[in-house]
Amino acid sequence: MLQVEAVVAPIRSDNGSINRIVYLARNVTREMELQDQLNHAQKMEAIGRLSASVAHEFGNPLLGIRFAIKDVLQATNLDSEQRQLMELALAECDRLKSLIRDLQQFNRPSSGVRKSVAIHKVLDKVLLFHGKYIKTSGVRVEKHYAPDLPEVFVVEDQMIQVFVNLVMNAMDAMADVGGTLRVATAWHGRDMIEVSVSDTGIGIDPRYDREIFEPFFSTKSEVEGIGLGLAVSYSIIKEHGGDISFTSQPGQGTNFTVTLPVPDRDRNNHDS
């Protein structure tokens, strides 16, 4: 979408009447995009500090509660109803632990070391790790990998985190109905590679287009998540000099596209 800054100035004659009007327009699309990215980065930094503190304060008491519940479960005088209740409580503790881990991802525990990585291997790891869940969900996987895809210079575990988020979001969009998960890569000899993760699920309502990468925004219920996955993924990809975008049609599915820069040496080798 083109954004312009416009100024309208009247030109008056000697007697004070307006005889001309000057219109000036300047394309500020790129400036607005950069400002949005800066605002988002500042927001993520602030939320990261807050989230790390909250996660720490919640994590310690939760650990004590889990140990207490496990001690109760080891008792031999529980009837079946009491044992079921304790097992449900332990399951809720595990769910809270997962939510706390999501919060901590703003202060991502990561190797922090960038190296040359084959994205196809990263994608295969993600699909293999979640293979059983994908199969039992009745989802078919299609892989369309570009030949001779150059490696990218990234933090590997952060890339895994990004594509786990995208794959699991696609799975959630096809929950209970099945469908097709499509993972594809492309490179046209330019300075970026593309990775797309698409589904044939419920799609995203257009009214959420501007909010989808915002921290704590989620179209899922509160029980299913707290809306950090895409915000974290956005920050990781931007930090690597890439971009992440999506297209969606309600009822027809969603496609997320990640672009990552190719090191100069790989571009030069291809051109030669």
Protein backbone atom coordinates (compact mmCIF):
# COMPACT_ATOMS: atom_id res chain seq x y z
CA MET A 1 0.00 0.00 0.00
CA LEU A 2 1.39 3.39 -1.03
CA GLN A 3 1.44 6.06 1.67
CA VAL A 4 1.96 9.69 0.80
CA GLU A 5 2.36 12.94 2.69
CA ALA A 6 0.44 15.72 0.95
CA VAL A 7 0.52 19.51 1.33
CA VAL A 8 -1.94 21.86 -0.30
CA ALA A 9 -0.93 25.55 -0.50
CA PRO A 10 -3.03 28.35 -2.04
CA ILE A 11 -1.30 31.14 -4.01
CA ARG A 12 -2.97 34.53 -3.68
CA SER A 13 -2.91 37.46 -6.03
CA ASP A 14 -2.12 41.04 -4.99
CA ASN A 15 -5.74 41.68 -4.12
CA GLY A 16 -5.85 38.64 -1.80
CA SER A 17 -7.91 36.31 -3.96
CA ILE A 18 -6.76 32.76 -4.59
CA ASN A 19 -5.82 32.23 -8.20
CA ARG A 20 -3.71 29.07 -7.94
CA ILE A 21 -3.34 26.05 -5.70
CA VAL A 22 -0.11 24.09 -5.38
CA TYR A 23 -0.26 20.39 -4.47
CA LEU A 24 2.88 18.67 -3.15
CA ALA A 25 2.99 14.95 -2.44
CA ARG A 26 5.86 12.86 -1.13
CA ASN A 27 6.08 9.05 -0.94
CA VAL A 28 6.60 8.17 2.74
CA THR A 29 5.82 4.46 2.47
CA ARG A 30 9.34 3.32 3.32
CA GLU A 31 9.62 5.79 6.21
CA MET A 32 6.37 4.51 7.69
CA GLU A 33 7.52 0.89 7.33
CA LEU A 34 10.79 1.67 9.11
CA GLN A 35 8.94 3.51 11.87
CA ASP A 36 6.59 0.54 12.34
CA GLN A 37 9.57 -1.80 12.59
CA LEU A 38 11.27 0.46 15.15
CA ASN A 39 8.09 0.70 17.23
CA HIS A 40 7.69 -3.07 17.11
CA ALA A 41 11.31 -3.66 18.14
CA GLN A 42 11.00 -1.26 21.08
CA LYS A 43 7.77 -2.90 22.16
CA MET A 44 9.33 -6.36 21.96
CA GLU A 45 12.34 -5.23 24.00
CA ALA A 46 10.14 -3.86 26.77
CA ILE A 47 7.89 -6.90 26.80
CA GLY A 48 10.96 -9.14 26.80
CA ARG A 49 12.25 -7.63 30.01
CA LEU A 50 8.83 -7.82 31.64
CA SER A 51 8.19 -11.38 30.44
CA ALA A 52 11.53 -12.67 31.71
CA SER A 53 10.80 -11.22 35.16
CA VAL A 54 7.25 -12.57 35.26
CA ALA A 55 8.34 -16.02 34.06
CA HIS A 56 10.99 -16.20 36.78
CA GLU A 57 8.55 -15.17 39.52
CA PHE A 58 5.94 -17.69 38.35
CA GLY A 59 8.38 -20.51 37.67
CA ASN A 60 9.76 -20.92 41.17
CA PRO A 61 6.42 -21.35 43.00
CA LEU A 62 5.13 -23.59 40.21
CA LEU A 63 8.10 -25.92 40.69
CA GLY A 64 7.21 -26.27 44.38
CA ILE A 65 3.57 -26.96 43.56
CA ARG A 66 4.51 -29.71 41.09
CA PHE A 67 6.74 -31.40 43.64
CA ALA A 68 3.94 -31.23 46.24
CA ILE A 69 1.42 -32.79 43.85
CA LYS A 70 3.85 -35.57 42.94
CA ASP A 71 4.36 -36.32 46.62
CA VAL A 72 0.59 -36.60 47.09
CA LEU A 73 0.31 -38.89 44.07
CA GLN A 74 2.84 -41.26 45.60
CA ALA A 75 0.59 -41.79 48.60
CA THR A 76 -1.12 -45.18 48.65
CA ASN A 77 -4.37 -44.09 50.37
CA LEU A 78 -5.82 -42.06 47.46
CA ASP A 79 -9.06 -43.29 45.93
CA SER A 80 -9.50 -43.19 42.16
CA GLU A 81 -11.32 -39.87 42.15
CA GLN A 82 -8.67 -38.18 44.29
CA ARG A 83 -5.88 -39.59 42.14
CA GLN A 84 -7.61 -38.37 38.97
CA LEU A 85 -7.95 -34.91 40.52
CA MET A 86 -4.24 -34.80 41.37
CA GLU A 87 -3.30 -35.95 37.89
CA LEU A 88 -5.43 -33.18 36.40
CA ALA A 89 -3.71 -30.66 38.68
CA LEU A 90 -0.31 -31.94 37.55
CA ALA A 91 -1.39 -31.61 33.91
CA GLU A 92 -2.40 -28.00 34.56
CA CYS A 93 1.01 -27.36 36.11
CA ASP A 94 2.62 -28.71 32.94
CA ARG A 95 0.44 -26.39 30.85
CA LEU A 96 1.53 -23.43 32.97
CA LYS A 97 5.13 -24.54 32.56
CA SER A 98 4.66 -24.46 28.79
CA LEU A 99 3.17 -20.94 28.94
CA ILE A 100 6.08 -19.77 31.09
CA ARG A 101 8.49 -21.21 28.53
CA ASP A 102 6.71 -19.12 25.88
CA LEU A 103 7.25 -16.03 27.99
CA GLN A 104 10.91 -16.86 28.43
CA GLN A 105 11.39 -17.02 24.67
CA PHE A 106 11.47 -13.24 24.61
CA ASN A 107 14.77 -13.71 26.45
CA ARG A 108 15.50 -16.62 24.17
CA PRO A 109 17.89 -19.25 25.48
CA SER A 110 19.92 -19.72 22.35
CA SER A 111 23.39 -20.64 21.24
CA GLY A 112 23.54 -17.15 19.72
CA VAL A 113 26.14 -18.46 17.25
CA ARG A 114 25.48 -17.88 13.57
CA LYS A 115 26.78 -20.40 11.09
CA SER A 116 26.05 -21.64 7.58
CA VAL A 117 22.91 -23.71 7.76
CA ALA A 118 21.01 -25.73 5.15
CA ILE A 119 17.37 -24.67 5.60
CA HIS A 120 16.13 -27.95 4.13
CA LYS A 121 17.76 -29.81 7.03
CA VAL A 122 16.11 -27.45 9.51
CA LEU A 123 12.70 -28.02 7.92
CA ASP A 124 13.20 -31.79 7.87
CA LYS A 125 14.10 -31.76 11.58
CA VAL A 126 10.90 -29.86 12.41
CA LEU A 127 8.70 -32.17 10.32
CA LEU A 128 10.38 -35.29 11.69
CA PHE A 129 10.02 -34.19 15.31
CA HIS A 130 6.30 -33.49 14.86
CA GLY A 131 5.72 -36.34 12.42
CA LYS A 132 3.59 -38.48 14.72
CA TYR A 133 1.33 -35.59 15.65
CA ILE A 134 0.93 -34.61 11.99
CA LYS A 135 0.07 -38.18 11.00
CA THR A 136 -2.47 -38.74 13.77
CA SER A 137 -4.11 -35.42 12.91
CA GLY A 138 -4.96 -36.65 9.43
CA VAL A 139 -2.81 -34.01 7.75
CA ARG A 140 -0.90 -34.72 4.55
CA VAL A 141 2.54 -33.16 4.12
CA GLU A 142 3.81 -31.86 0.79
CA LYS A 143 7.44 -30.79 0.43
CA HIS A 144 8.56 -28.75 -2.55
CA TYR A 145 12.24 -28.00 -2.12
CA ALA A 146 14.18 -25.91 -4.60
CA PRO A 147 17.29 -27.62 -5.99
CA ASP A 148 20.70 -26.13 -5.16
CA LEU A 149 19.29 -23.90 -2.42
CA PRO A 150 22.21 -21.97 -0.91
CA GLU A 151 22.90 -22.12 2.81
CA VAL A 152 22.08 -19.15 5.01
CA PHE A 153 24.07 -17.63 7.86
CA VAL A 154 21.76 -17.96 10.88
CA VAL A 155 21.38 -19.16 14.47
CA GLU A 156 20.10 -22.67 13.82
CA ASP A 157 18.04 -23.18 16.98
CA GLN A 158 16.27 -19.87 16.39
CA MET A 159 15.35 -20.97 12.87
CA ILE A 160 13.98 -24.21 14.28
CA GLN A 161 11.90 -22.17 16.71
CA VAL A 162 10.46 -20.06 13.88
CA PHE A 163 9.44 -23.01 11.72
CA VAL A 164 8.06 -24.98 14.68
CA ASN A 165 5.79 -22.00 15.35
CA LEU A 166 4.66 -21.81 11.72
CA VAL A 167 4.09 -25.56 11.39
CA MET A 168 2.16 -25.79 14.67
CA ASN A 169 0.01 -22.78 13.72
CA ALA A 170 -0.78 -24.49 10.42
CA MET A 171 -1.70 -27.68 12.29
CA ASP A 172 -3.97 -25.74 14.65
CA ALA A 173 -5.73 -24.21 11.64
CA MET A 174 -6.56 -27.72 10.37
CA ALA A 175 -7.48 -29.22 13.76
CA ASP A 176 -10.19 -31.90 13.64
CA VAL A 177 -10.68 -31.60 9.86
CA GLY A 178 -7.32 -32.58 8.39
CA GLY A 179 -5.92 -31.05 5.26
CA THR A 180 -2.57 -30.41 3.59
CA LEU A 181 0.53 -28.88 5.10
CA ARG A 182 2.78 -27.57 2.33
CA VAL A 183 6.40 -26.60 2.94
CA ALA A 184 8.25 -25.08 0.00
CA THR A 185 11.50 -23.27 -0.72
CA ALA A 186 12.55 -21.06 -3.61
CA TRP A 187 15.56 -19.14 -4.84
CA HIS A 188 15.87 -17.25 -8.10
CA GLY A 189 19.55 -16.39 -7.90
CA ARG A 190 18.86 -13.17 -6.04
CA ASP A 191 19.98 -12.09 -2.58
CA MET A 192 17.18 -13.84 -0.65
CA ILE A 193 15.79 -17.33 -0.32
CA GLU A 194 12.12 -17.96 0.40
CA VAL A 195 10.52 -20.54 2.68
CA SER A 196 6.74 -20.87 2.69
CA VAL A 197 4.57 -22.82 5.11
CA SER A 198 0.94 -23.08 4.05
CA ASP A 199 -2.17 -24.91 5.15
CA THR A 200 -5.67 -25.59 3.87
CA GLY A 201 -7.28 -24.63 7.17
CA ILE A 202 -9.74 -22.03 8.39
CA GLY A 203 -7.74 -18.99 7.32
CA ILE A 204 -7.36 -15.66 9.11
CA ASP A 205 -10.03 -12.98 9.30
CA PRO A 206 -8.83 -9.89 7.32
CA ARG A 207 -9.59 -7.64 10.30
CA TYR A 208 -6.63 -9.21 12.11
CA ASP A 209 -4.09 -8.55 9.33
CA ARG A 210 -2.34 -5.69 11.15
CA GLU A 211 -2.29 -7.46 14.53
CA ILE A 212 -1.04 -10.91 13.62
CA PHE A 213 2.59 -10.27 14.62
CA GLU A 214 1.73 -8.27 17.75
CA PRO A 215 2.84 -9.71 21.11
CA PHE A 216 0.03 -11.46 23.02
CA PHE A 217 -2.35 -11.33 20.07
CA SER A 218 -3.94 -14.68 19.26
CA THR A 219 -7.03 -15.94 17.47
CA LYS A 220 -6.88 -19.06 19.65
CA SER A 221 -8.60 -19.45 22.98
CA GLU A 222 -6.67 -18.51 26.12
CA VAL A 223 -6.36 -22.20 26.95
CA GLU A 224 -4.48 -22.92 23.73
CA GLY A 225 -1.90 -20.14 23.81
CA ILE A 226 -0.94 -16.61 24.79
CA GLY A 227 -0.01 -15.24 21.39
CA LEU A 228 3.78 -15.08 21.50
CA GLY A 229 4.83 -17.50 18.75
CA LEU A 230 4.45 -15.21 15.73
CA ALA A 231 5.75 -12.16 17.59
CA VAL A 232 8.91 -14.04 18.57
CA SER A 233 9.27 -15.42 15.03
CA TYR A 234 8.92 -11.91 13.58
CA SER A 235 11.71 -10.61 15.83
CA ILE A 236 14.03 -13.53 15.01
CA ILE A 237 13.61 -13.15 11.25
CA LYS A 238 14.02 -9.35 11.35
CA GLU A 239 17.14 -9.78 13.50
CA HIS A 240 18.57 -12.00 10.75
CA GLY A 241 17.94 -9.34 8.09
CA GLY A 242 14.96 -11.16 6.62
CA ASP A 243 11.22 -10.69 6.47
CA ILE A 244 8.07 -12.64 7.29
CA SER A 245 4.67 -12.06 5.74
CA PHE A 246 1.43 -13.90 5.13
CA THR A 247 -1.57 -14.17 2.85
CA SER A 248 -4.83 -15.76 3.86
CA GLN A 249 -8.36 -16.40 2.69
CA PRO A 250 -10.97 -17.26 5.34
CA GLY A 251 -12.05 -20.85 4.84
CA GLN A 252 -9.33 -21.52 2.26
CA GLY A 253 -6.08 -21.53 4.21
CA THR A 254 -3.04 -19.42 5.03
CA ASN A 255 0.47 -19.07 3.63
CA PHE A 256 3.40 -17.66 5.64
CA THR A 257 6.51 -16.70 3.70
CA VAL A 258 9.91 -16.22 5.32
CA THR A 259 12.75 -14.59 3.40
CA LEU A 260 16.37 -14.84 4.53
CA PRO A 261 19.47 -13.19 3.05
CA VAL A 262 22.00 -15.28 1.14
CA PRO A 263 25.68 -14.62 2.00
CA ASP A 264 27.55 -12.70 -0.71
CA ARG A 265 29.91 -15.59 -1.45
CA ASP A 266 27.00 -17.91 -2.32
CA ARG A 267 25.45 -15.32 -4.63
CA ASN A 268 28.80 -14.76 -6.33
CA ASN A 269 29.36 -18.49 -6.78
CA HIS A 270 25.96 -18.82 -8.39
CA ASP A 271 26.54 -15.89 -10.76
CA SER A 272 29.91 -17.28 -11.85
